[in-house]
Amino acid sequence: MEKTKLKMLKIMDILRETDEEHPITAGQICGKLQAEGISAERKSVSSDIRLLMEYGFDIIMCADKKKGCYMASRQFEDWEIKILIDAVLQAKCLTRNVSKTLVDKLLATTCKESRKALKQTTYISSHAKTRNKTTQIAIDVFLRALIKGHKVSFQYTYIGPDLKSHLRKDGCLYTVSPYSLVWGNDFYYLICNTDGHEGLTWYRLDRMRNFVLTDIPSRPACETAGPDPNYAISEYVKNSIHHYGGKKIHLQLRTCESMIDHLLDQFGDNIIIKKEENKKSPSSKGEFCFLATVEASESDGLYYWLFQFGENIEIISPASVRAEYKRRLENILKKY
């Protein structure tokens, strides 16, 4: 009985290495089984394959029966695996070893030929990676906290002038009610409510230390984020994580056509673009001029983003943002 079970498992492993372009016959499966010390006959292998098909595995028999059969569907398509692998490799919050382990697990879900192609188009050593496992540990702790509905405490750090990590507030514990984990700007963030404060706040997972999953029930999100917490958290992430917080404004910019892609990358497709006839673009390239209106958060992060494009963007309104941008530019010039 045990040998029969082992044989069936081995047949499944062999079939997972097949696809439409690389089918396999019952005789070839017998050869592979015998190479591993498992006796098998073609008739019994064919019977096992039929049993797997009856159970629900998507195994297809080729029109030309001499070619055998193949596994038609998988947990992931090859293009899906490629995207997942690239996401894993580009995640700076994962160590190189953890990234490699995850990639190997993803590759194991496809066939031999697909694995070969995916490896040829992926360069594991080409991305900057962290050396510590803080983020990975934190994700595990907070997922368990979210499942149990409990608070978590931790210490929070900052990087000092000595380029070393130091504990904030002399190492005091932050106790929070966790609501969501968000990946943005190459980091993972916890969206939560901090004990003793109202509303939402965020913390970077890689800056946390000494996590403790408490037995204290979390404060419900509807108490801290409002009657529709999912929407409130989504808006908070959009305006706080990606744009560094600040009050919402309707920002109008005069720009050139080549800048539209950058605006879409930063603000998404919730943007109004209007062409200005007989207007010169802010730059000296002679491109057509456009007025773009976006919803943004006025903050240091917004000004930093605007500075990088120099003459290619002109702030039209609000007037207060235009004046503040000018003041910051003048302060920069004073340093030179």
Protein backbone atom coordinates (compact mmCIF):
# COMPACT_ATOMS: atom_id res chain seq x y z
CA MET A 1 0.00 0.00 0.00
CA GLU A 2 2.79 2.43 0.95
CA LYS A 3 4.59 1.72 -2.33
CA THR A 4 1.35 2.34 -4.24
CA LYS A 5 0.94 5.75 -2.54
CA LEU A 6 4.57 6.64 -3.24
CA LYS A 7 4.16 5.64 -6.87
CA MET A 8 1.11 7.89 -7.27
CA LEU A 9 2.95 10.85 -5.71
CA LYS A 10 5.92 10.30 -8.01
CA ILE A 11 3.63 10.18 -11.05
CA MET A 12 2.19 13.54 -9.99
CA ASP A 13 5.72 14.99 -9.67
CA ILE A 14 6.56 13.72 -13.15
CA LEU A 15 3.36 15.13 -14.68
CA ARG A 16 4.08 18.55 -13.15
CA GLU A 17 7.19 18.65 -15.36
CA THR A 18 5.04 18.44 -18.50
CA ASP A 19 3.06 20.90 -20.59
CA GLU A 20 1.40 21.00 -24.02
CA GLU A 21 4.77 21.27 -25.74
CA HIS A 22 6.37 18.56 -23.60
CA PRO A 23 3.95 15.64 -23.06
CA ILE A 24 4.99 12.27 -21.68
CA THR A 25 3.92 8.68 -22.33
CA ALA A 26 3.06 5.99 -19.78
CA GLY A 27 6.16 4.10 -20.92
CA GLN A 28 8.40 7.13 -20.25
CA ILE A 29 6.83 7.54 -16.81
CA CYS A 30 7.61 3.87 -16.11
CA GLY A 31 11.25 4.50 -17.02
CA LYS A 32 11.47 7.47 -14.65
CA LEU A 33 9.86 5.49 -11.82
CA GLN A 34 12.19 2.55 -12.33
CA ALA A 35 15.19 4.91 -12.28
CA GLU A 36 14.12 5.81 -8.74
CA GLY A 37 13.70 2.18 -7.69
CA ILE A 38 9.91 2.05 -8.04
CA SER A 39 8.61 -0.87 -10.08
CA ALA A 40 5.79 0.00 -12.47
CA GLU A 41 4.04 -1.32 -15.54
CA ARG A 42 2.66 0.78 -18.35
CA LYS A 43 -0.86 -0.54 -17.75
CA SER A 44 -0.83 0.38 -14.04
CA VAL A 45 0.60 3.85 -14.80
CA SER A 46 -2.18 4.46 -17.35
CA SER A 47 -4.70 3.38 -14.71
CA ASP A 48 -3.17 5.79 -12.17
CA ILE A 49 -3.35 8.67 -14.68
CA ARG A 50 -7.04 7.96 -15.33
CA LEU A 51 -7.67 7.93 -11.57
CA LEU A 52 -5.97 11.34 -11.21
CA MET A 53 -8.12 12.69 -14.05
CA GLU A 54 -11.29 11.36 -12.37
CA TYR A 55 -10.22 13.03 -9.14
CA GLY A 56 -10.09 16.39 -10.93
CA PHE A 57 -6.51 16.99 -12.08
CA ASP A 58 -6.43 18.75 -15.45
CA ILE A 59 -4.47 16.11 -17.33
CA ILE A 60 -4.97 16.12 -21.10
CA MET A 61 -4.43 13.14 -23.41
CA CYS A 62 -2.78 14.16 -26.69
CA ALA A 63 -4.79 13.69 -29.92
CA ASP A 64 -1.87 11.58 -31.08
CA LYS A 65 -1.98 8.93 -28.34
CA LYS A 66 1.61 7.99 -29.07
CA LYS A 67 2.68 11.34 -27.55
CA GLY A 68 1.04 10.57 -24.22
CA CYS A 69 -0.41 13.23 -21.90
CA TYR A 70 0.45 16.44 -20.06
CA MET A 71 -0.63 18.63 -17.14
CA ALA A 72 -2.78 21.34 -18.73
CA SER A 73 -3.40 23.79 -15.89
CA ARG A 74 -1.29 24.98 -12.99
CA GLN A 75 -1.62 27.15 -9.94
CA PHE A 76 0.07 29.99 -11.82
CA GLU A 77 0.64 30.81 -15.47
CA ASP A 78 4.26 31.44 -16.48
CA TRP A 79 3.69 35.20 -16.92
CA GLU A 80 2.16 35.34 -13.43
CA ILE A 81 5.18 33.58 -11.96
CA LYS A 82 7.51 36.00 -13.75
CA ILE A 83 5.71 39.00 -12.21
CA LEU A 84 5.74 37.43 -8.73
CA ILE A 85 9.45 36.56 -9.02
CA ASP A 86 10.34 40.11 -10.07
CA ALA A 87 8.31 41.54 -7.18
CA VAL A 88 10.12 39.27 -4.72
CA LEU A 89 13.55 40.16 -6.11
CA GLN A 90 12.88 43.90 -6.11
CA ALA A 91 11.56 43.91 -2.55
CA LYS A 92 14.37 45.56 -0.58
CA CYS A 93 12.71 44.48 2.67
CA LEU A 94 13.58 40.82 1.98
CA THR A 95 17.03 39.34 2.51
CA ARG A 96 18.79 37.76 -0.45
CA ASN A 97 18.44 34.26 1.03
CA VAL A 98 14.71 34.65 1.69
CA SER A 99 14.20 36.03 -1.82
CA LYS A 100 15.99 33.04 -3.32
CA THR A 101 13.87 30.62 -1.25
CA LEU A 102 10.63 32.30 -2.38
CA VAL A 103 11.78 32.29 -6.01
CA ASP A 104 12.58 28.57 -5.80
CA LYS A 105 9.09 27.89 -4.41
CA LEU A 106 7.49 29.83 -7.26
CA LEU A 107 9.61 28.05 -9.87
CA ALA A 108 8.61 24.69 -8.38
CA THR A 109 5.00 25.34 -9.47
CA THR A 110 5.87 25.20 -13.16
CA CYS A 111 7.46 22.70 -15.53
CA LYS A 112 11.12 22.11 -16.29
CA GLU A 113 11.19 24.03 -19.57
CA SER A 114 9.35 27.01 -18.08
CA ARG A 115 11.74 27.06 -15.11
CA LYS A 116 14.64 27.20 -17.52
CA ALA A 117 13.13 30.13 -19.44
CA LEU A 118 12.21 32.01 -16.25
CA LYS A 119 15.72 31.62 -14.86
CA GLN A 120 17.24 32.88 -18.11
CA THR A 121 15.19 36.08 -17.92
CA THR A 122 15.76 36.75 -14.23
CA TYR A 123 18.89 38.09 -12.56
CA ILE A 124 18.76 37.39 -8.85
CA SER A 125 21.87 39.39 -7.91
CA SER A 126 20.85 42.62 -9.64
CA HIS A 127 18.78 44.15 -6.81
CA ALA A 128 19.75 45.86 -3.56
CA LYS A 129 18.55 43.83 -0.57
CA THR A 130 18.40 44.26 3.18
CA ARG A 131 20.64 42.25 5.50
CA ASN A 132 18.21 41.90 8.39
CA LYS A 133 14.95 40.00 8.83
CA THR A 134 13.09 42.67 10.81
CA THR A 135 10.41 43.25 8.18
CA GLN A 136 9.78 39.54 7.68
CA ILE A 137 9.40 38.97 11.43
CA ALA A 138 7.15 42.02 11.76
CA ILE A 139 4.84 40.89 8.95
CA ASP A 140 4.41 37.52 10.66
CA VAL A 141 3.68 39.14 14.04
CA PHE A 142 1.17 41.64 12.65
CA LEU A 143 -0.65 39.05 10.55
CA ARG A 144 -1.15 36.96 13.69
CA ALA A 145 -2.29 40.07 15.54
CA LEU A 146 -4.83 40.88 12.80
CA ILE A 147 -6.16 37.30 12.89
CA LYS A 148 -6.54 37.37 16.67
CA GLY A 149 -7.68 40.98 16.83
CA HIS A 150 -5.01 41.88 19.41
CA LYS A 151 -2.71 44.84 19.96
CA VAL A 152 1.05 44.73 19.37
CA SER A 153 3.80 46.60 21.20
CA PHE A 154 7.25 47.42 19.86
CA GLN A 155 10.14 49.85 20.09
CA TYR A 156 10.77 52.29 17.24
CA THR A 157 14.11 53.44 15.87
CA TYR A 158 15.69 56.22 13.84
CA ILE A 159 19.04 56.62 12.09
CA GLY A 160 21.36 59.09 13.86
CA PRO A 161 24.23 61.22 12.52
CA ASP A 162 26.53 58.26 13.23
CA LEU A 163 24.49 56.31 10.62
CA LYS A 164 23.48 53.81 13.31
CA SER A 165 20.04 52.79 14.53
CA HIS A 166 18.86 54.33 17.82
CA LEU A 167 15.69 53.79 19.87
CA ARG A 168 13.18 56.63 19.86
CA LYS A 169 11.90 58.11 23.13
CA ASP A 170 14.58 56.29 25.14
CA GLY A 171 13.22 52.93 24.06
CA CYS A 172 9.65 53.37 25.27
CA LEU A 173 7.07 50.88 23.97
CA TYR A 174 4.59 51.85 21.29
CA THR A 175 1.33 49.90 21.69
CA VAL A 176 -0.92 49.89 18.66
CA SER A 177 -4.12 48.44 17.21
CA PRO A 178 -3.02 47.15 13.76
CA TYR A 179 -5.36 47.49 10.76
CA SER A 180 -3.38 47.07 7.56
CA LEU A 181 0.05 46.30 6.11
CA VAL A 182 1.06 48.33 3.05
CA TRP A 183 4.03 48.02 0.71
CA GLY A 184 5.10 51.36 -0.79
CA ASN A 185 8.25 53.34 -1.61
CA ASP A 186 10.27 50.09 -1.24
CA PHE A 187 9.20 49.66 2.40
CA TYR A 188 6.42 47.97 4.37
CA TYR A 189 4.23 50.17 6.55
CA LEU A 190 1.83 49.35 9.36
CA ILE A 191 -1.40 51.37 9.39
CA CYS A 192 -2.74 51.46 12.94
CA ASN A 193 -4.04 53.45 15.88
CA THR A 194 -1.53 54.24 18.63
CA ASP A 195 -2.68 54.00 22.24
CA GLY A 196 -3.38 57.45 23.65
CA HIS A 197 -4.00 59.02 20.23
CA GLU A 198 -6.98 59.42 17.94
CA GLY A 199 -7.08 58.63 14.25
CA LEU A 200 -4.68 56.66 12.10
CA THR A 201 -0.90 56.65 11.96
CA TRP A 202 1.81 54.67 10.22
CA TYR A 203 5.15 53.08 11.14
CA ARG A 204 7.84 51.54 8.96
CA LEU A 205 8.30 47.87 9.77
CA ASP A 206 12.06 47.89 9.21
CA ARG A 207 12.43 50.48 12.00
CA MET A 208 10.62 48.39 14.61
CA ARG A 209 12.32 46.27 17.25
CA ASN A 210 11.29 43.81 19.99
CA PHE A 211 7.75 42.95 18.92
CA VAL A 212 5.28 41.62 21.47
CA LEU A 213 1.85 40.25 20.53
CA THR A 214 -0.28 41.23 23.52
CA ASP A 215 -3.51 39.70 24.88
CA ILE A 216 -5.23 43.11 24.72
CA PRO A 217 -8.07 43.36 22.14
CA SER A 218 -7.45 45.89 19.37
CA ARG A 219 -9.50 49.06 19.16
CA PRO A 220 -12.04 48.62 16.32
CA ALA A 221 -11.09 50.46 13.12
CA CYS A 222 -14.54 52.05 12.90
CA GLU A 223 -13.79 53.92 16.16
CA THR A 224 -10.56 55.44 14.90
CA ALA A 225 -11.05 55.66 11.12
CA GLY A 226 -14.79 56.31 10.84
CA PRO A 227 -17.87 54.35 9.74
CA ASP A 228 -16.19 53.19 6.51
CA PRO A 229 -12.70 52.19 7.73
CA ASN A 230 -11.65 50.51 4.46
CA TYR A 231 -12.20 53.73 2.52
CA ALA A 232 -10.61 55.84 5.27
CA ILE A 233 -7.52 53.63 5.41
CA SER A 234 -7.23 53.65 1.60
CA GLU A 235 -7.37 57.45 1.52
CA TYR A 236 -4.93 57.71 4.42
CA VAL A 237 -2.42 55.47 2.63
CA LYS A 238 -2.78 57.40 -0.62
CA ASN A 239 -2.20 60.75 1.04
CA SER A 240 0.18 59.85 3.86
CA ILE A 241 2.39 57.01 2.66
CA HIS A 242 2.82 58.06 -0.94
CA HIS A 243 2.69 61.83 -0.47
CA TYR A 244 4.05 62.10 3.09
CA GLY A 245 0.90 63.52 4.70
CA GLY A 246 -0.45 67.08 4.76
CA LYS A 247 -3.77 68.72 3.94
CA LYS A 248 -5.47 67.89 0.66
CA ILE A 249 -5.28 70.46 -2.12
CA HIS A 250 -6.29 70.74 -5.76
CA LEU A 251 -2.98 71.44 -7.43
CA GLN A 252 -2.91 73.03 -10.89
CA LEU A 253 0.31 72.78 -12.87
CA ARG A 254 1.39 74.13 -16.24
CA THR A 255 3.61 71.62 -17.95
CA CYS A 256 4.73 70.12 -21.26
CA GLU A 257 3.58 66.95 -22.98
CA SER A 258 6.66 64.93 -22.00
CA MET A 259 5.81 65.44 -18.32
CA ILE A 260 2.35 63.86 -18.47
CA ASP A 261 3.75 60.36 -17.91
CA HIS A 262 5.46 61.54 -14.71
CA LEU A 263 2.22 63.08 -13.46
CA LEU A 264 0.34 59.85 -14.10
CA ASP A 265 3.05 57.83 -12.33
CA GLN A 266 2.79 60.05 -9.26
CA PHE A 267 -0.92 60.79 -9.02
CA GLY A 268 -2.58 57.98 -10.96
CA ASP A 269 -5.27 58.49 -13.59
CA ASN A 270 -7.36 60.74 -11.33
CA ILE A 271 -6.03 63.76 -13.17
CA ILE A 272 -7.51 66.37 -15.52
CA ILE A 273 -5.36 67.41 -18.51
CA LYS A 274 -6.28 70.39 -20.67
CA LYS A 275 -4.29 71.67 -23.62
CA GLU A 276 -3.55 75.43 -23.66
CA GLU A 277 -3.55 76.90 -27.13
CA ASN A 278 -0.95 79.55 -28.02
CA LYS A 279 0.85 79.08 -24.71
CA LYS A 280 4.53 78.37 -24.30
CA SER A 281 5.52 75.42 -22.17
CA PRO A 282 7.48 76.09 -18.94
CA SER A 283 10.55 74.53 -20.55
CA SER A 284 12.50 75.85 -23.50
CA LYS A 285 11.83 72.81 -25.67
CA GLY A 286 9.00 74.43 -27.60
CA GLU A 287 6.48 71.72 -26.68
CA PHE A 288 2.75 72.30 -26.46
CA CYS A 289 1.57 73.57 -23.11
CA PHE A 290 -0.88 71.71 -20.86
CA LEU A 291 -2.72 72.48 -17.65
CA ALA A 292 -2.92 69.55 -15.26
CA THR A 293 -5.16 69.47 -12.18
CA VAL A 294 -4.53 66.81 -9.54
CA GLU A 295 -5.53 66.11 -5.96
CA ALA A 296 -2.44 66.10 -3.75
CA SER A 297 -1.34 66.61 -0.16
CA GLU A 298 0.67 69.71 0.62
CA SER A 299 3.78 68.47 2.35
CA ASP A 300 7.56 68.40 2.16
CA GLY A 301 7.24 65.30 0.00
CA LEU A 302 5.20 67.19 -2.60
CA TYR A 303 7.73 70.04 -2.82
CA TYR A 304 10.62 67.57 -3.08
CA TRP A 305 8.82 65.86 -5.95
CA LEU A 306 8.20 69.18 -7.75
CA PHE A 307 11.80 70.38 -7.35
CA GLN A 308 13.22 67.51 -9.42
CA PHE A 309 11.45 68.70 -12.57
CA GLY A 310 12.70 72.29 -12.42
CA GLU A 311 11.60 74.41 -15.39
CA ASN A 312 9.38 71.65 -16.81
CA ILE A 313 6.62 72.37 -14.27
CA GLU A 314 5.07 75.65 -13.16
CA ILE A 315 2.71 75.82 -10.18
CA ILE A 316 -0.40 77.84 -11.09
CA SER A 317 -2.52 77.32 -7.97
CA PRO A 318 -3.13 77.37 -5.07
CA ALA A 319 -1.35 80.72 -4.71
CA SER A 320 -0.12 79.69 -1.26
CA VAL A 321 1.67 76.65 -2.70
CA ARG A 322 3.18 78.75 -5.48
CA ALA A 323 4.47 81.25 -2.90
CA GLU A 324 5.85 78.51 -0.64
CA TYR A 325 7.61 76.87 -3.59
CA LYS A 326 9.20 80.22 -4.50
CA ARG A 327 10.29 80.79 -0.87
CA ARG A 328 11.99 77.40 -0.77
CA LEU A 329 13.75 78.06 -4.07
CA GLU A 330 15.06 81.39 -2.77
CA ASN A 331 16.37 79.68 0.38
CA ILE A 332 18.16 77.12 -1.78
CA LEU A 333 19.77 79.86 -3.90
CA LYS A 334 21.05 81.59 -0.73
CA LYS A 335 23.19 78.54 -0.03
CA TYR A 336 25.05 79.10 -3.31
